[in-house]
Amino acid sequence: MTEASRQVQMTESAAKRIQELIASEGAANTMLRLQVSGGGCSGFQYEFSLDSDTTDEDCIFENYGAKMVIDEVSLDLLGGAEIDFVREMVGSAFRVNNPNATSSCGCGSSFSI
């Protein structure tokens, strides 16, 4: 995988929501952590959390002033993805537009490759 294809971008909407969540936590060095784990109805699932710790296996991405951290293993499945935050009548959520996913479940929280 090339360096460019290992990049993960976030939209301005996602960055604003990350900043709102961090402000509500009151911890300036907090980032959004995005992980991929086995499970969900399609084989893999996305997990979002706030985290202030990083390891040597983490990559940090910054867009629009917000930081997101992704571990190397998850990055192999997320390279080239875009993280968005959408507000719809049924609710609000982060959405992952993942070019590596061959299919995903209806709610968008799990995928297969």
N, C-alpha and C. Protein backbone atom coordinates (compact mmCIF):
# COMPACT_ATOMS: atom_id res chain seq x y z
N MET A 1 0.85 -1.17 0.00
CA MET A 1 0.00 0.00 0.00
C MET A 1 0.89 1.24 0.00
N THR A 2 0.65 2.17 -0.90
CA THR A 2 1.46 3.38 -0.96
C THR A 2 1.11 4.32 0.18
N GLU A 3 2.01 5.25 0.46
CA GLU A 3 1.78 6.23 1.53
C GLU A 3 0.50 7.03 1.30
N ALA A 4 0.25 7.41 0.06
CA ALA A 4 -0.97 8.19 -0.25
C ALA A 4 -2.23 7.38 0.01
N SER A 5 -2.20 6.07 -0.29
CA SER A 5 -3.39 5.25 -0.09
C SER A 5 -3.59 4.90 1.38
N ARG A 6 -2.63 5.22 2.24
CA ARG A 6 -2.77 4.99 3.68
C ARG A 6 -3.27 6.23 4.40
N GLN A 7 -3.64 7.25 3.68
CA GLN A 7 -4.16 8.46 4.29
C GLN A 7 -5.65 8.30 4.59
N VAL A 8 -6.09 8.91 5.66
CA VAL A 8 -7.50 8.96 6.00
C VAL A 8 -7.85 10.43 6.19
N GLN A 9 -8.88 10.87 5.51
CA GLN A 9 -9.30 12.27 5.57
C GLN A 9 -10.57 12.39 6.41
N MET A 10 -10.83 13.58 6.89
CA MET A 10 -12.10 13.85 7.54
C MET A 10 -12.69 15.12 6.96
N THR A 11 -14.00 15.15 6.90
CA THR A 11 -14.68 16.33 6.37
C THR A 11 -14.68 17.42 7.44
N GLU A 12 -15.03 18.62 7.02
CA GLU A 12 -15.13 19.73 7.96
C GLU A 12 -16.21 19.44 9.01
N SER A 13 -17.30 18.81 8.59
CA SER A 13 -18.37 18.45 9.51
C SER A 13 -17.87 17.48 10.59
N ALA A 14 -17.08 16.49 10.20
CA ALA A 14 -16.51 15.55 11.16
C ALA A 14 -15.55 16.26 12.12
N ALA A 15 -14.72 17.12 11.58
CA ALA A 15 -13.77 17.85 12.41
C ALA A 15 -14.49 18.72 13.44
N LYS A 16 -15.56 19.39 13.02
CA LYS A 16 -16.31 20.22 13.97
C LYS A 16 -16.90 19.37 15.09
N ARG A 17 -17.45 18.20 14.74
CA ARG A 17 -18.05 17.33 15.76
C ARG A 17 -16.98 16.80 16.71
N ILE A 18 -15.82 16.45 16.20
CA ILE A 18 -14.72 16.00 17.05
C ILE A 18 -14.34 17.10 18.04
N GLN A 19 -14.23 18.33 17.54
CA GLN A 19 -13.89 19.45 18.41
C GLN A 19 -14.95 19.69 19.47
N GLU A 20 -16.24 19.52 19.11
CA GLU A 20 -17.32 19.65 20.09
C GLU A 20 -17.21 18.59 21.18
N LEU A 21 -16.94 17.35 20.78
CA LEU A 21 -16.82 16.26 21.75
C LEU A 21 -15.63 16.48 22.69
N ILE A 22 -14.53 16.93 22.13
CA ILE A 22 -13.34 17.18 22.94
C ILE A 22 -13.58 18.33 23.91
N ALA A 23 -14.26 19.37 23.45
CA ALA A 23 -14.57 20.51 24.32
C ALA A 23 -15.46 20.06 25.48
N SER A 24 -16.40 19.16 25.20
CA SER A 24 -17.28 18.69 26.27
C SER A 24 -16.53 17.82 27.28
N GLU A 25 -15.44 17.18 26.84
CA GLU A 25 -14.61 16.37 27.73
C GLU A 25 -13.67 17.25 28.56
N GLY A 26 -13.34 18.43 28.04
CA GLY A 26 -12.45 19.33 28.74
C GLY A 26 -10.99 18.93 28.73
N ALA A 27 -10.58 18.09 27.78
CA ALA A 27 -9.19 17.64 27.69
C ALA A 27 -8.62 18.03 26.33
N ALA A 28 -7.72 18.98 26.32
CA ALA A 28 -7.21 19.54 25.07
C ALA A 28 -6.42 18.55 24.22
N ASN A 29 -5.79 17.55 24.82
CA ASN A 29 -4.94 16.63 24.04
C ASN A 29 -5.70 15.38 23.60
N THR A 30 -7.02 15.41 23.67
CA THR A 30 -7.84 14.26 23.28
C THR A 30 -8.06 14.23 21.78
N MET A 31 -8.11 13.01 21.23
CA MET A 31 -8.33 12.81 19.79
C MET A 31 -9.45 11.79 19.60
N LEU A 32 -10.01 11.76 18.41
CA LEU A 32 -10.95 10.72 18.07
C LEU A 32 -10.16 9.49 17.64
N ARG A 33 -10.42 8.36 18.26
CA ARG A 33 -9.78 7.11 17.85
C ARG A 33 -10.77 6.32 17.01
N LEU A 34 -10.31 5.90 15.84
CA LEU A 34 -11.09 5.04 14.96
C LEU A 34 -10.37 3.72 14.86
N GLN A 35 -11.09 2.64 15.20
CA GLN A 35 -10.54 1.29 15.14
C GLN A 35 -11.45 0.41 14.32
N VAL A 36 -10.87 -0.62 13.75
CA VAL A 36 -11.64 -1.65 13.08
C VAL A 36 -11.44 -2.93 13.87
N SER A 37 -12.54 -3.60 14.18
CA SER A 37 -12.45 -4.87 14.89
C SER A 37 -13.31 -5.91 14.17
N GLY A 38 -13.04 -7.16 14.44
CA GLY A 38 -13.85 -8.23 13.87
C GLY A 38 -15.23 -8.22 14.51
N GLY A 39 -16.25 -8.45 13.70
CA GLY A 39 -17.60 -8.50 14.25
C GLY A 39 -18.58 -7.73 13.39
N GLY A 40 -19.72 -7.47 13.93
CA GLY A 40 -20.76 -6.80 13.17
C GLY A 40 -21.41 -7.77 12.19
N CYS A 41 -22.40 -7.30 11.50
CA CYS A 41 -23.14 -8.20 10.60
C CYS A 41 -22.41 -8.42 9.27
N SER A 42 -21.34 -7.67 8.99
CA SER A 42 -20.64 -7.82 7.72
C SER A 42 -19.21 -8.33 7.86
N GLY A 43 -18.74 -8.58 9.07
CA GLY A 43 -17.40 -9.14 9.25
C GLY A 43 -16.46 -8.24 10.02
N PHE A 44 -16.47 -6.95 9.73
CA PHE A 44 -15.66 -5.97 10.46
C PHE A 44 -16.57 -4.85 10.92
N GLN A 45 -16.20 -4.21 12.02
CA GLN A 45 -17.00 -3.08 12.46
C GLN A 45 -16.12 -1.90 12.87
N TYR A 46 -16.65 -0.70 12.68
CA TYR A 46 -15.96 0.52 13.07
C TYR A 46 -16.25 0.81 14.53
N GLU A 47 -15.24 1.27 15.25
CA GLU A 47 -15.40 1.67 16.64
C GLU A 47 -14.81 3.06 16.81
N PHE A 48 -15.59 3.97 17.37
CA PHE A 48 -15.16 5.34 17.63
C PHE A 48 -15.07 5.56 19.13
N SER A 49 -14.01 6.22 19.57
CA SER A 49 -13.88 6.58 20.97
C SER A 49 -12.99 7.82 21.07
N LEU A 50 -13.00 8.45 22.23
CA LEU A 50 -12.08 9.56 22.49
C LEU A 50 -10.90 9.00 23.25
N ASP A 51 -9.70 9.44 22.88
CA ASP A 51 -8.49 8.89 23.48
C ASP A 51 -7.42 9.97 23.55
N SER A 52 -6.68 9.99 24.64
CA SER A 52 -5.57 10.94 24.76
C SER A 52 -4.22 10.23 24.72
N ASP A 53 -4.25 8.89 24.65
CA ASP A 53 -3.02 8.11 24.61
C ASP A 53 -2.76 7.57 23.21
N THR A 54 -1.49 7.49 22.85
CA THR A 54 -1.10 6.89 21.59
C THR A 54 0.04 5.89 21.84
N THR A 55 0.22 5.00 20.88
CA THR A 55 1.33 4.04 20.95
C THR A 55 2.19 4.22 19.70
N ASP A 56 3.25 3.45 19.63
CA ASP A 56 4.13 3.50 18.46
C ASP A 56 3.42 2.97 17.21
N GLU A 57 2.34 2.23 17.40
CA GLU A 57 1.59 1.67 16.28
C GLU A 57 0.47 2.56 15.77
N ASP A 58 0.36 3.75 16.29
CA ASP A 58 -0.71 4.67 15.91
C ASP A 58 -0.24 5.69 14.88
N CYS A 59 -1.16 6.04 14.00
CA CYS A 59 -0.94 7.13 13.05
C CYS A 59 -1.94 8.22 13.39
N ILE A 60 -1.48 9.46 13.37
CA ILE A 60 -2.34 10.59 13.69
C ILE A 60 -2.60 11.38 12.42
N PHE A 61 -3.87 11.67 12.18
CA PHE A 61 -4.29 12.46 11.02
C PHE A 61 -4.96 13.72 11.53
N GLU A 62 -4.67 14.84 10.87
CA GLU A 62 -5.27 16.11 11.29
C GLU A 62 -5.86 16.82 10.08
N ASN A 63 -7.11 17.22 10.22
CA ASN A 63 -7.80 18.01 9.21
C ASN A 63 -8.66 19.04 9.91
N TYR A 64 -8.70 20.24 9.39
CA TYR A 64 -9.56 21.31 9.92
C TYR A 64 -9.36 21.50 11.42
N GLY A 65 -8.15 21.27 11.92
CA GLY A 65 -7.85 21.50 13.33
C GLY A 65 -8.24 20.38 14.28
N ALA A 66 -8.77 19.29 13.78
CA ALA A 66 -9.14 18.14 14.62
C ALA A 66 -8.20 16.98 14.34
N LYS A 67 -7.92 16.20 15.38
CA LYS A 67 -7.01 15.06 15.24
C LYS A 67 -7.76 13.74 15.42
N MET A 68 -7.34 12.78 14.61
CA MET A 68 -7.89 11.43 14.66
C MET A 68 -6.71 10.46 14.70
N VAL A 69 -6.81 9.44 15.54
CA VAL A 69 -5.75 8.45 15.67
C VAL A 69 -6.28 7.08 15.23
N ILE A 70 -5.46 6.38 14.44
CA ILE A 70 -5.82 5.06 13.91
C ILE A 70 -4.62 4.16 14.06
N ASP A 71 -4.82 2.96 14.59
CA ASP A 71 -3.72 2.01 14.73
C ASP A 71 -3.36 1.42 13.35
N GLU A 72 -2.15 0.90 13.23
CA GLU A 72 -1.63 0.39 11.95
C GLU A 72 -2.49 -0.71 11.36
N VAL A 73 -2.98 -1.63 12.19
CA VAL A 73 -3.78 -2.74 11.68
C VAL A 73 -5.09 -2.22 11.09
N SER A 74 -5.74 -1.30 11.79
CA SER A 74 -6.99 -0.71 11.28
C SER A 74 -6.72 0.10 10.03
N LEU A 75 -5.58 0.77 9.99
CA LEU A 75 -5.25 1.60 8.83
C LEU A 75 -5.14 0.78 7.56
N ASP A 76 -4.70 -0.47 7.68
CA ASP A 76 -4.64 -1.34 6.51
C ASP A 76 -6.02 -1.53 5.89
N LEU A 77 -7.08 -1.47 6.70
CA LEU A 77 -8.45 -1.63 6.21
C LEU A 77 -9.13 -0.31 5.91
N LEU A 78 -8.52 0.80 6.35
CA LEU A 78 -9.15 2.12 6.21
C LEU A 78 -8.43 3.05 5.24
N GLY A 79 -7.29 2.65 4.71
CA GLY A 79 -6.52 3.53 3.83
C GLY A 79 -7.35 4.11 2.71
N GLY A 80 -7.29 5.42 2.55
CA GLY A 80 -8.05 6.11 1.51
C GLY A 80 -9.45 6.49 1.92
N ALA A 81 -9.84 6.18 3.15
CA ALA A 81 -11.21 6.47 3.61
C ALA A 81 -11.39 7.95 3.95
N GLU A 82 -12.65 8.33 3.99
CA GLU A 82 -13.03 9.68 4.44
C GLU A 82 -14.04 9.52 5.57
N ILE A 83 -13.81 10.25 6.66
CA ILE A 83 -14.71 10.22 7.80
C ILE A 83 -15.58 11.47 7.74
N ASP A 84 -16.87 11.28 7.83
CA ASP A 84 -17.83 12.38 7.78
C ASP A 84 -18.71 12.31 9.02
N PHE A 85 -19.35 13.41 9.35
CA PHE A 85 -20.36 13.42 10.41
C PHE A 85 -21.63 13.92 9.77
N VAL A 86 -22.67 13.10 9.83
CA VAL A 86 -23.93 13.44 9.17
C VAL A 86 -25.04 13.59 10.20
N ARG A 87 -25.91 14.53 9.92
CA ARG A 87 -27.10 14.76 10.74
C ARG A 87 -28.30 14.48 9.84
N GLU A 88 -29.08 13.49 10.26
CA GLU A 88 -30.27 13.11 9.50
C GLU A 88 -31.46 13.08 10.44
N MET A 89 -32.64 12.94 9.88
CA MET A 89 -33.84 12.93 10.71
C MET A 89 -33.83 11.79 11.72
N VAL A 90 -33.21 10.68 11.38
CA VAL A 90 -33.18 9.53 12.28
C VAL A 90 -32.06 9.60 13.32
N GLY A 91 -31.16 10.55 13.19
CA GLY A 91 -30.08 10.71 14.14
C GLY A 91 -28.82 11.25 13.51
N SER A 92 -27.79 11.38 14.32
CA SER A 92 -26.50 11.89 13.87
C SER A 92 -25.43 10.85 14.16
N ALA A 93 -24.45 10.77 13.25
CA ALA A 93 -23.40 9.77 13.45
C ALA A 93 -22.21 10.06 12.55
N PHE A 94 -21.06 9.52 12.96
CA PHE A 94 -19.91 9.52 12.07
C PHE A 94 -20.16 8.48 11.00
N ARG A 95 -19.78 8.78 9.78
CA ARG A 95 -19.94 7.85 8.66
C ARG A 95 -18.57 7.67 8.01
N VAL A 96 -18.22 6.43 7.73
CA VAL A 96 -16.94 6.11 7.09
C VAL A 96 -17.20 5.78 5.64
N ASN A 97 -16.64 6.56 4.74
CA ASN A 97 -16.69 6.28 3.31
C ASN A 97 -15.39 5.55 2.98
N ASN A 98 -15.46 4.21 2.98
CA ASN A 98 -14.28 3.37 2.90
C ASN A 98 -14.18 2.73 1.51
N PRO A 99 -13.18 3.12 0.71
CA PRO A 99 -13.04 2.55 -0.63
C PRO A 99 -12.62 1.07 -0.62
N ASN A 100 -12.17 0.58 0.52
CA ASN A 100 -11.74 -0.82 0.64
C ASN A 100 -12.90 -1.77 0.92
N ALA A 101 -14.04 -1.23 1.35
CA ALA A 101 -15.19 -2.07 1.70
C ALA A 101 -15.91 -2.51 0.43
N THR A 102 -16.15 -3.80 0.33
CA THR A 102 -16.89 -4.32 -0.83
C THR A 102 -18.39 -4.34 -0.55
N SER A 103 -18.75 -4.37 0.73
CA SER A 103 -20.16 -4.27 1.12
C SER A 103 -20.23 -3.78 2.54
N SER A 104 -21.38 -3.25 2.92
CA SER A 104 -21.57 -2.80 4.29
C SER A 104 -23.00 -3.07 4.72
N CYS A 105 -23.23 -3.01 6.02
CA CYS A 105 -24.58 -3.26 6.52
C CYS A 105 -25.43 -2.00 6.32
N GLY A 106 -26.70 -2.12 6.54
CA GLY A 106 -27.61 -0.99 6.35
C GLY A 106 -27.33 0.20 7.23
N CYS A 107 -26.87 -0.04 8.44
CA CYS A 107 -26.62 1.08 9.35
C CYS A 107 -25.25 1.71 9.13
N GLY A 108 -24.37 1.06 8.36
CA GLY A 108 -23.06 1.63 8.04
C GLY A 108 -22.00 1.43 9.10
N SER A 109 -22.30 0.67 10.15
CA SER A 109 -21.29 0.48 11.20
C SER A 109 -20.42 -0.75 11.00
N SER A 110 -20.76 -1.60 10.02
CA SER A 110 -19.90 -2.74 9.74
C SER A 110 -19.73 -2.90 8.24
N PHE A 111 -18.68 -3.64 7.85
CA PHE A 111 -18.36 -3.78 6.43
C PHE A 111 -17.60 -5.07 6.19
N SER A 112 -17.46 -5.42 4.92
CA SER A 112 -16.61 -6.57 4.53
C SER A 112 -15.68 -6.10 3.43
N ILE A 113 -14.59 -6.87 3.27
CA ILE A 113 -13.62 -6.54 2.22
C ILE A 113 -13.41 -7.75 1.33
